[in-house]
């Protein structure tokens, strides 16, 4: 198997100390990992990742990050 070419956003800055999500294309699969824990890798299809990104951009998941009122 050839080496996986992980990519991260240019907004993450340079160096290894920046926490970010990294993406790689492996055949027809998209792999995602957190730069702080590169051994844990999630995989999905491009279509499912696209649907997730559309939901995030549309605000459809904002309720998941809401702080409950006390």
N, C-alpha and C. Protein backbone atom coordinates (compact mmCIF):
# COMPACT_ATOMS: atom_id res chain seq x y z
N UNK A 1 0.85 -1.18 0.00
CA UNK A 1 0.00 0.00 0.00
C UNK A 1 0.88 1.24 0.00
N UNK A 2 0.54 2.22 -0.82
CA UNK A 2 1.33 3.43 -0.87
C UNK A 2 1.02 4.32 0.33
N UNK A 3 1.90 5.27 0.58
CA UNK A 3 1.73 6.19 1.70
C UNK A 3 0.49 7.06 1.49
N UNK A 4 -0.23 7.31 2.55
CA UNK A 4 -1.43 8.14 2.49
C UNK A 4 -1.03 9.61 2.57
N UNK A 5 -1.58 10.42 1.68
CA UNK A 5 -1.28 11.86 1.63
C UNK A 5 -2.35 12.61 2.41
N UNK A 6 -2.08 12.88 3.68
CA UNK A 6 -3.02 13.60 4.54
C UNK A 6 -2.94 15.09 4.25
N UNK A 7 -4.10 15.76 4.23
CA UNK A 7 -4.16 17.20 3.97
C UNK A 7 -4.95 17.87 5.07
N UNK A 8 -4.52 19.07 5.44
CA UNK A 8 -5.28 19.85 6.41
C UNK A 8 -5.50 21.24 5.86
N UNK A 9 -6.44 21.93 6.43
CA UNK A 9 -6.79 23.27 5.99
C UNK A 9 -5.63 24.23 6.18
N UNK A 10 -5.50 25.16 5.27
CA UNK A 10 -4.48 26.20 5.42
C UNK A 10 -4.81 27.13 6.58
N UNK A 11 -6.06 27.12 7.04
CA UNK A 11 -6.46 27.92 8.20
C UNK A 11 -5.90 27.35 9.50
N UNK A 12 -5.42 26.12 9.48
CA UNK A 12 -4.90 25.48 10.69
C UNK A 12 -3.52 26.00 11.07
N UNK A 13 -2.84 26.64 10.16
CA UNK A 13 -1.50 27.14 10.44
C UNK A 13 -0.45 26.07 10.23
N UNK A 14 0.79 26.45 10.38
CA UNK A 14 1.90 25.53 10.15
C UNK A 14 2.29 24.82 11.44
N UNK A 15 2.98 23.72 11.31
CA UNK A 15 3.51 23.01 12.47
C UNK A 15 2.60 21.89 12.94
N UNK A 16 3.14 21.10 13.85
CA UNK A 16 2.41 19.95 14.36
C UNK A 16 1.56 20.28 15.57
N UNK A 17 1.73 21.47 16.17
CA UNK A 17 1.02 21.80 17.39
C UNK A 17 -0.41 22.26 17.20
N UNK A 18 -0.87 22.33 15.97
CA UNK A 18 -2.21 22.81 15.70
C UNK A 18 -3.20 21.66 15.60
N UNK A 19 -4.26 21.75 16.38
CA UNK A 19 -5.31 20.73 16.33
C UNK A 19 -6.20 20.98 15.13
N UNK A 20 -6.38 19.96 14.33
CA UNK A 20 -7.23 20.12 13.17
C UNK A 20 -7.66 18.75 12.66
N UNK A 21 -8.62 18.78 11.78
CA UNK A 21 -9.05 17.57 11.10
C UNK A 21 -8.24 17.46 9.81
N UNK A 22 -7.72 16.28 9.55
CA UNK A 22 -6.98 16.03 8.31
C UNK A 22 -7.78 15.06 7.45
N UNK A 23 -7.72 15.25 6.15
CA UNK A 23 -8.44 14.41 5.19
C UNK A 23 -7.47 13.73 4.24
N UNK A 24 -7.86 12.55 3.79
CA UNK A 24 -7.09 11.84 2.77
C UNK A 24 -8.05 11.06 1.89
N UNK A 25 -7.69 10.94 0.64
CA UNK A 25 -8.45 10.13 -0.29
C UNK A 25 -7.76 8.77 -0.41
N UNK A 26 -8.51 7.72 -0.14
CA UNK A 26 -7.97 6.36 -0.24
C UNK A 26 -8.88 5.59 -1.18
N UNK A 27 -8.50 5.53 -2.43
CA UNK A 27 -9.37 4.90 -3.43
C UNK A 27 -10.66 5.69 -3.56
N UNK A 28 -11.80 5.04 -3.32
CA UNK A 28 -13.10 5.71 -3.39
C UNK A 28 -13.59 6.13 -2.00
N UNK A 29 -12.73 6.07 -1.01
CA UNK A 29 -13.09 6.38 0.37
C UNK A 29 -12.39 7.66 0.82
N UNK A 30 -13.05 8.40 1.68
CA UNK A 30 -12.45 9.58 2.31
C UNK A 30 -12.12 9.20 3.75
N UNK A 31 -10.89 9.46 4.16
CA UNK A 31 -10.46 9.17 5.53
C UNK A 31 -10.30 10.49 6.28
N UNK A 32 -10.69 10.50 7.55
CA UNK A 32 -10.58 11.68 8.40
C UNK A 32 -9.88 11.29 9.68
N UNK A 33 -9.06 12.19 10.20
CA UNK A 33 -8.41 11.95 11.48
C UNK A 33 -8.16 13.28 12.17
N UNK A 34 -8.02 13.24 13.48
CA UNK A 34 -7.68 14.40 14.29
C UNK A 34 -6.16 14.45 14.38
N UNK A 35 -5.58 15.60 14.15
CA UNK A 35 -4.12 15.69 14.14
C UNK A 35 -3.52 15.33 15.50
N UNK A 36 -4.28 15.55 16.59
CA UNK A 36 -3.78 15.20 17.93
C UNK A 36 -3.75 13.70 18.18
N UNK A 37 -4.54 12.93 17.42
CA UNK A 37 -4.59 11.47 17.59
C UNK A 37 -4.63 10.81 16.21
N UNK A 38 -3.53 10.82 15.49
CA UNK A 38 -3.52 10.35 14.11
C UNK A 38 -3.75 8.85 13.95
N UNK A 39 -3.72 8.09 15.03
CA UNK A 39 -3.95 6.64 14.91
C UNK A 39 -5.42 6.31 14.73
N UNK A 40 -6.31 7.20 15.17
CA UNK A 40 -7.75 6.98 15.03
C UNK A 40 -8.21 7.57 13.71
N UNK A 41 -8.70 6.72 12.82
CA UNK A 41 -9.10 7.16 11.48
C UNK A 41 -10.55 6.74 11.22
N UNK A 42 -11.36 7.69 10.78
CA UNK A 42 -12.74 7.41 10.36
C UNK A 42 -12.78 7.42 8.85
N UNK A 43 -13.61 6.58 8.27
CA UNK A 43 -13.75 6.57 6.81
C UNK A 43 -15.22 6.74 6.43
N UNK A 44 -15.42 7.34 5.28
CA UNK A 44 -16.76 7.57 4.76
C UNK A 44 -16.68 7.70 3.24
N UNK A 45 -17.82 7.87 2.63
CA UNK A 45 -17.85 8.10 1.18
C UNK A 45 -17.85 9.60 0.92
N UNK A 46 -17.42 10.01 -0.26
CA UNK A 46 -17.48 11.44 -0.60
C UNK A 46 -18.90 12.00 -0.50
N UNK A 47 -19.90 11.22 -0.90
CA UNK A 47 -21.29 11.69 -0.84
C UNK A 47 -21.74 11.93 0.59
N UNK A 48 -21.41 11.03 1.49
CA UNK A 48 -21.81 11.20 2.90
C UNK A 48 -21.07 12.36 3.55
N UNK A 49 -19.80 12.54 3.23
CA UNK A 49 -19.06 13.68 3.76
C UNK A 49 -19.66 14.97 3.23
N UNK A 50 -20.01 14.99 1.96
CA UNK A 50 -20.64 16.17 1.37
C UNK A 50 -21.97 16.51 2.05
N UNK A 51 -22.76 15.48 2.36
CA UNK A 51 -24.03 15.71 3.05
C UNK A 51 -23.80 16.27 4.45
N UNK A 52 -22.79 15.77 5.15
CA UNK A 52 -22.46 16.29 6.48
C UNK A 52 -22.06 17.76 6.39
N UNK A 53 -21.19 18.09 5.45
CA UNK A 53 -20.74 19.47 5.29
C UNK A 53 -21.88 20.41 4.94
N UNK A 54 -22.80 19.96 4.09
CA UNK A 54 -23.97 20.79 3.75
C UNK A 54 -24.82 21.03 4.98
N UNK A 55 -25.00 20.01 5.81
CA UNK A 55 -25.79 20.16 7.04
C UNK A 55 -25.14 21.14 8.00
N UNK A 56 -23.81 21.05 8.13
CA UNK A 56 -23.09 21.97 9.01
C UNK A 56 -23.22 23.40 8.50
N UNK A 57 -23.00 23.60 7.21
CA UNK A 57 -23.09 24.94 6.64
C UNK A 57 -24.49 25.53 6.76
N UNK A 58 -25.52 24.69 6.68
CA UNK A 58 -26.90 25.16 6.77
C UNK A 58 -27.35 25.40 8.21
N UNK A 59 -26.52 25.00 9.18
CA UNK A 59 -26.88 25.19 10.58
C UNK A 59 -27.80 24.11 11.13
N UNK A 60 -27.97 23.05 10.37
CA UNK A 60 -28.89 21.99 10.79
C UNK A 60 -28.42 21.22 12.02
N UNK A 61 -27.15 21.36 12.38
CA UNK A 61 -26.61 20.63 13.53
C UNK A 61 -26.25 21.56 14.68
N UNK A 62 -26.61 22.83 14.58
CA UNK A 62 -26.24 23.80 15.61
C UNK A 62 -26.78 23.41 16.99
N UNK A 63 -27.92 22.78 17.03
CA UNK A 63 -28.51 22.40 18.32
C UNK A 63 -27.63 21.42 19.09
N UNK A 64 -26.77 20.71 18.40
CA UNK A 64 -25.88 19.75 19.07
C UNK A 64 -24.80 20.45 19.87
N UNK A 65 -24.49 21.69 19.54
CA UNK A 65 -23.44 22.43 20.23
C UNK A 65 -24.01 23.43 21.24
N UNK A 66 -25.32 23.48 21.34
CA UNK A 66 -25.96 24.45 22.25
C UNK A 66 -25.68 24.07 23.70
N UNK A 67 -25.46 25.09 24.51
CA UNK A 67 -25.25 24.89 25.94
C UNK A 67 -26.62 24.88 26.61
N UNK A 68 -26.93 23.83 27.36
CA UNK A 68 -28.24 23.76 28.00
C UNK A 68 -28.39 24.87 29.05
N UNK A 69 -29.58 25.41 29.14
CA UNK A 69 -29.86 26.44 30.14
C UNK A 69 -29.97 25.78 31.52
N UNK A 70 -29.50 26.49 32.53
CA UNK A 70 -29.58 25.93 33.89
C UNK A 70 -30.63 26.62 34.71
